[in-house]
Amino acid sequence: MTAAGPSNPTSGPGPAASLPPDGSPAAPDHGPSHPWETCVWPLAAFLALGALEPSPSGGGLAGSLGIPMSAYPAVYALRLVVTLGLLAWQWPAIRGWLGRANWWPGLLGLLLVIPWVVLATLQRDAGWAGWAGGTGERAAFNPFEAYAGNPTATWGYLLLRGLGLVVVVPIVEELFLRGFLMRYVINEDFWKVPFGAVSAAAVGACAVYAIGTHPAEAVAALAWFGIVTGIAASTRQPIDCILAHAGTNLALGAWVIATGAWWLM
């Protein structure tokens, strides 16, 4: 989409690539044009469609609609198609804002899978996930069981799930959490707040989001999201948070395939 001018409070600033006509310094560019569409809509769509995903317990909206577990791959594919469409629509604005990646956040993200798995396992073994009442229950869809004897379907599903886990989720979640929510609690005109700005309210919002979206791994999520907030504050670039997120998710997917711990996904 074309950039909207800074005078439009609903769209946010456009790229600050050139000086204004009067020769004064350009305002800092803290985000893409149309920030709501860029930072909020993709994750909102991804989460909304997630309500249609069936769960092992058969509860939730999917259960009331009679959507069986066998339909999970199709529903997940729908989530990806819609979300990727929104990202493609806004990609020209997103791409110029991401920044140039540093070498270490992705590697740190790979290592962060260790505390994630350890803390999530401890929470599960301690029975601390029961407080959520089934909220946020993982699909735990095991393609090796569902498609036994059909390697094409099995690896086709794993590619689909990997696309969501390593590419789509890191982008949409980081754009929302650190691109929108943590800046919004600092200033409602969040596009005026530098990426990576941290305040007590921002840290609190991050903690609430971590627990609310990962109730069964709340302890791991609190630690992990806190560390990635530190990355955001250190580098001030969305791309570094996205790469750290992608690194952890990649390692987590590999761990699940290797160990059969599908409850983590």
Protein backbone atom coordinates (compact mmCIF):
# COMPACT_ATOMS: atom_id res chain seq x y z
CA MET A 1 0.00 0.00 0.00
CA THR A 2 1.11 3.57 -0.45
CA ALA A 3 2.44 5.35 2.59
CA ALA A 4 0.11 7.65 4.48
CA GLY A 5 1.36 11.01 5.66
CA PRO A 6 2.21 11.69 9.30
CA SER A 7 -0.82 13.95 9.56
CA ASN A 8 -3.15 10.92 9.43
CA PRO A 9 -3.39 9.66 13.02
CA THR A 10 -5.05 6.41 11.99
CA SER A 11 -2.30 5.42 9.63
CA GLY A 12 0.89 6.53 11.32
CA PRO A 13 4.01 7.90 9.67
CA GLY A 14 5.35 6.99 6.31
CA PRO A 15 9.03 6.19 5.68
CA ALA A 16 11.36 8.97 6.81
CA ALA A 17 13.72 8.61 3.89
CA SER A 18 13.98 12.24 2.83
CA LEU A 19 13.97 15.69 4.37
CA PRO A 20 10.80 17.77 4.48
CA PRO A 21 10.55 20.69 1.99
CA ASP A 22 11.70 23.17 4.64
CA GLY A 23 14.97 21.27 5.07
CA SER A 24 14.40 20.36 8.72
CA PRO A 25 15.35 16.85 9.87
CA ALA A 26 12.80 14.18 9.12
CA ALA A 27 10.87 12.67 12.00
CA PRO A 28 12.12 9.25 13.16
CA ASP A 29 10.40 6.38 11.43
CA HIS A 30 9.21 4.10 14.22
CA GLY A 31 6.99 1.93 12.10
CA PRO A 32 5.33 1.24 8.79
CA SER A 33 2.49 3.20 7.29
CA HIS A 34 -0.94 1.90 8.24
CA PRO A 35 0.35 0.48 11.56
CA TRP A 36 -2.96 -1.05 12.66
CA GLU A 37 -3.26 -3.10 9.47
CA THR A 38 0.38 -4.12 9.71
CA CYS A 39 0.81 -4.87 13.41
CA VAL A 40 -2.65 -5.96 14.55
CA TRP A 41 -4.74 -7.47 11.78
CA PRO A 42 -2.53 -10.48 10.85
CA LEU A 43 -2.38 -11.84 14.40
CA ALA A 44 -6.03 -11.01 15.02
CA ALA A 45 -7.00 -13.11 11.99
CA PHE A 46 -4.65 -15.93 12.99
CA LEU A 47 -6.05 -16.10 16.52
CA ALA A 48 -9.69 -15.75 15.42
CA LEU A 49 -9.40 -18.64 12.97
CA GLY A 50 -7.62 -20.63 15.65
CA ALA A 51 -10.96 -20.91 17.44
CA LEU A 52 -11.99 -23.31 14.68
CA GLU A 53 -9.16 -25.71 15.43
CA PRO A 54 -10.31 -28.93 17.09
CA SER A 55 -8.70 -30.08 20.32
CA PRO A 56 -8.16 -33.55 21.80
CA SER A 57 -10.83 -32.89 24.45
CA GLY A 58 -13.37 -31.93 21.78
CA GLY A 59 -14.24 -28.67 23.52
CA GLY A 60 -14.41 -25.06 22.39
CA LEU A 61 -16.05 -23.62 19.31
CA ALA A 62 -14.70 -26.40 17.10
CA GLY A 63 -16.33 -28.99 19.33
CA SER A 64 -19.68 -27.21 19.28
CA LEU A 65 -19.50 -27.07 15.48
CA GLY A 66 -18.62 -30.74 15.28
CA ILE A 67 -15.22 -30.21 13.66
CA PRO A 68 -13.26 -33.49 14.12
CA MET A 69 -9.55 -33.77 14.91
CA SER A 70 -9.01 -35.17 11.42
CA ALA A 71 -9.85 -31.69 10.07
CA TYR A 72 -7.06 -30.00 12.03
CA PRO A 73 -4.59 -29.81 9.08
CA ALA A 74 -7.26 -28.23 6.84
CA VAL A 75 -8.21 -25.65 9.48
CA TYR A 76 -4.55 -24.85 10.13
CA ALA A 77 -3.98 -24.44 6.39
CA LEU A 78 -6.90 -21.98 6.27
CA ARG A 79 -5.32 -19.97 9.09
CA LEU A 80 -2.05 -19.77 7.19
CA VAL A 81 -3.62 -18.81 3.87
CA VAL A 82 -5.61 -15.93 5.38
CA THR A 83 -2.71 -14.70 7.52
CA LEU A 84 -0.19 -14.93 4.69
CA GLY A 85 -2.59 -12.97 2.52
CA LEU A 86 -2.69 -10.15 5.08
CA LEU A 87 1.10 -10.21 5.42
CA ALA A 88 1.54 -10.11 1.64
CA TRP A 89 -0.84 -7.14 1.46
CA GLN A 90 1.24 -5.19 3.98
CA TRP A 91 4.67 -6.62 3.12
CA PRO A 92 5.99 -3.53 1.28
CA ALA A 93 5.42 -1.54 4.49
CA ILE A 94 6.73 -4.29 6.78
CA ARG A 95 9.91 -5.04 4.83
CA GLY A 96 11.38 -1.56 5.09
CA TRP A 97 10.79 -1.44 8.83
CA LEU A 98 12.33 -4.75 9.90
CA GLY A 99 15.93 -3.55 9.90
CA ARG A 100 19.17 -5.44 9.23
CA ALA A 101 19.56 -8.61 11.23
CA ASN A 102 22.30 -9.10 13.79
CA TRP A 103 24.05 -12.47 13.84
CA TRP A 104 23.26 -13.50 17.41
CA PRO A 105 19.47 -13.28 18.05
CA GLY A 106 18.69 -16.29 15.88
CA LEU A 107 21.36 -18.37 17.61
CA LEU A 108 20.12 -17.26 21.01
CA GLY A 109 16.63 -18.25 19.95
CA LEU A 110 17.82 -21.78 19.17
CA LEU A 111 19.33 -22.09 22.67
CA LEU A 112 16.20 -20.72 24.34
CA VAL A 113 14.35 -23.90 23.41
CA ILE A 114 16.15 -25.58 26.32
CA PRO A 115 14.58 -23.52 29.13
CA TRP A 116 11.27 -23.54 27.25
CA VAL A 117 11.08 -27.35 27.17
CA VAL A 118 12.41 -27.75 30.72
CA LEU A 119 10.05 -25.20 32.29
CA ALA A 120 7.04 -26.36 30.25
CA THR A 121 7.71 -29.95 31.32
CA LEU A 122 8.05 -28.96 34.98
CA GLN A 123 4.78 -27.04 34.82
CA ARG A 124 3.03 -29.97 33.17
CA ASP A 125 4.38 -32.50 35.66
CA ALA A 126 3.36 -30.24 38.55
CA GLY A 127 -0.17 -29.99 37.20
CA TRP A 128 -0.05 -26.20 37.02
CA ALA A 129 -1.85 -26.10 33.66
CA GLY A 130 -5.16 -27.08 35.25
CA TRP A 131 -5.85 -23.53 36.40
CA ALA A 132 -6.54 -22.54 32.79
CA GLY A 133 -9.54 -24.86 32.55
CA GLY A 134 -8.54 -26.15 29.12
CA THR A 135 -7.95 -22.68 27.69
CA GLY A 136 -5.17 -22.71 25.13
CA GLU A 137 -5.15 -26.49 24.84
CA ARG A 138 -2.70 -27.65 22.19
CA ALA A 139 -3.98 -29.68 19.25
CA ALA A 140 -1.12 -32.17 19.75
CA PHE A 141 -1.79 -33.49 16.25
CA ASN A 142 0.66 -36.31 15.53
CA PRO A 143 0.91 -36.87 11.76
CA PHE A 144 2.92 -40.06 12.20
CA GLU A 145 -0.13 -41.60 13.85
CA ALA A 146 -2.83 -39.84 11.81
CA TYR A 147 -1.15 -40.65 8.48
CA ALA A 148 0.49 -43.96 9.36
CA GLY A 149 1.70 -45.60 6.17
CA ASN A 150 1.36 -42.39 4.14
CA PRO A 151 4.71 -40.57 4.25
CA THR A 152 3.62 -38.05 1.62
CA ALA A 153 0.75 -36.83 3.79
CA THR A 154 2.93 -36.94 6.91
CA TRP A 155 5.72 -34.79 5.53
CA GLY A 156 3.29 -32.56 3.69
CA TYR A 157 1.67 -31.76 7.02
CA LEU A 158 5.05 -31.22 8.69
CA LEU A 159 6.00 -28.71 5.98
CA LEU A 160 2.69 -26.91 6.48
CA ARG A 161 3.11 -26.86 10.25
CA GLY A 162 6.72 -25.80 9.91
CA LEU A 163 5.72 -22.84 7.72
CA GLY A 164 3.38 -21.63 10.42
CA LEU A 165 5.72 -22.37 13.30
CA VAL A 166 8.94 -20.91 11.90
CA VAL A 167 7.75 -18.19 9.51
CA VAL A 168 4.19 -17.00 10.08
CA VAL A 169 3.89 -17.11 13.88
CA PRO A 170 7.20 -15.31 14.61
CA ILE A 171 6.31 -12.48 12.22
CA VAL A 172 2.70 -11.88 13.26
CA GLU A 173 3.30 -12.36 16.98
CA GLU A 174 6.32 -10.06 17.16
CA LEU A 175 4.62 -7.40 15.03
CA PHE A 176 1.66 -7.49 17.40
CA LEU A 177 3.34 -7.85 20.78
CA ARG A 178 6.40 -5.65 20.39
CA GLY A 179 5.28 -3.66 17.36
CA PHE A 180 1.85 -2.78 18.78
CA LEU A 181 0.90 -3.85 22.31
CA MET A 182 4.04 -2.94 24.24
CA ARG A 183 4.18 0.44 22.52
CA TYR A 184 0.43 1.07 22.78
CA VAL A 185 0.50 0.95 26.59
CA ILE A 186 3.18 3.64 26.48
CA ASN A 187 1.34 5.88 24.01
CA GLU A 188 -1.95 5.28 22.21
CA ASP A 189 -0.28 6.71 19.10
CA PHE A 190 2.04 3.73 19.26
CA TRP A 191 3.74 4.45 15.93
CA LYS A 192 5.34 7.45 17.66
CA VAL A 193 7.08 5.18 20.20
CA PRO A 194 10.48 3.74 19.19
CA PHE A 195 10.52 -0.02 18.72
CA GLY A 196 12.12 -1.64 21.75
CA ALA A 197 11.02 1.06 24.18
CA VAL A 198 10.42 -0.50 27.61
CA SER A 199 8.37 0.70 30.56
CA ALA A 200 6.75 -0.98 33.55
CA ALA A 201 3.43 -0.96 31.67
CA ALA A 202 5.07 -2.51 28.59
CA VAL A 203 6.68 -5.27 30.64
CA GLY A 204 3.36 -5.92 32.37
CA ALA A 205 1.51 -6.10 29.04
CA CYS A 206 4.11 -8.57 27.76
CA ALA A 207 3.66 -10.75 30.84
CA VAL A 208 -0.13 -10.76 30.52
CA TYR A 209 0.14 -11.64 26.83
CA ALA A 210 2.63 -14.43 27.54
CA ILE A 211 0.40 -16.08 30.14
CA GLY A 212 -2.83 -15.48 28.26
CA THR A 213 -1.63 -17.03 25.01
CA HIS A 214 0.45 -19.85 26.56
CA PRO A 215 -1.41 -20.93 29.72
CA ALA A 216 -0.07 -24.48 29.64
CA GLU A 217 3.51 -23.13 29.36
CA ALA A 218 3.03 -19.94 31.38
CA VAL A 219 6.30 -20.20 33.32
CA ALA A 220 8.33 -20.86 30.17
CA ALA A 221 6.48 -18.12 28.31
CA LEU A 222 7.16 -15.52 31.00
CA ALA A 223 10.89 -16.25 30.90
CA TRP A 224 11.10 -16.52 27.11
CA PHE A 225 9.10 -13.39 26.29
CA GLY A 226 11.09 -11.45 28.88
CA ILE A 227 14.38 -12.41 27.24
CA VAL A 228 13.14 -11.47 23.77
CA THR A 229 11.95 -8.14 25.16
CA GLY A 230 15.59 -7.65 26.16
CA ILE A 231 16.59 -8.32 22.55
CA ALA A 232 14.11 -5.70 21.37
CA ALA A 233 15.48 -3.15 23.84
CA SER A 234 19.06 -3.99 22.85
CA THR A 235 18.87 -3.89 19.05
CA ARG A 236 15.68 -1.84 18.48
CA GLN A 237 14.94 -3.90 15.35
CA PRO A 238 11.87 -6.09 14.71
CA ILE A 239 13.90 -8.52 12.58
CA ASP A 240 16.04 -9.57 15.55
CA CYS A 241 12.99 -10.47 17.66
CA ILE A 242 11.48 -12.34 14.72
CA LEU A 243 14.67 -14.34 14.17
CA ALA A 244 14.96 -15.21 17.87
CA HIS A 245 11.34 -16.35 17.82
CA ALA A 246 11.88 -18.36 14.65
CA GLY A 247 15.01 -19.98 16.11
CA THR A 248 13.19 -21.20 19.21
CA ASN A 249 10.23 -22.46 17.18
CA LEU A 250 12.50 -24.27 14.73
CA ALA A 251 14.34 -26.02 17.56
CA LEU A 252 11.04 -26.80 19.30
CA GLY A 253 9.64 -28.39 16.15
CA ALA A 254 12.77 -30.51 15.77
CA TRP A 255 12.54 -31.55 19.43
CA VAL A 256 8.90 -32.57 19.07
CA ILE A 257 9.57 -34.67 15.97
CA ALA A 258 12.60 -36.32 17.58
CA THR A 259 10.96 -37.10 20.92
CA GLY A 260 7.27 -37.40 20.08
CA ALA A 261 6.36 -34.67 22.61
CA TRP A 262 3.40 -33.49 20.52
CA TRP A 263 1.75 -31.97 23.62
CA LEU A 264 4.12 -29.02 23.08
CA MET A 265 2.44 -28.24 19.74
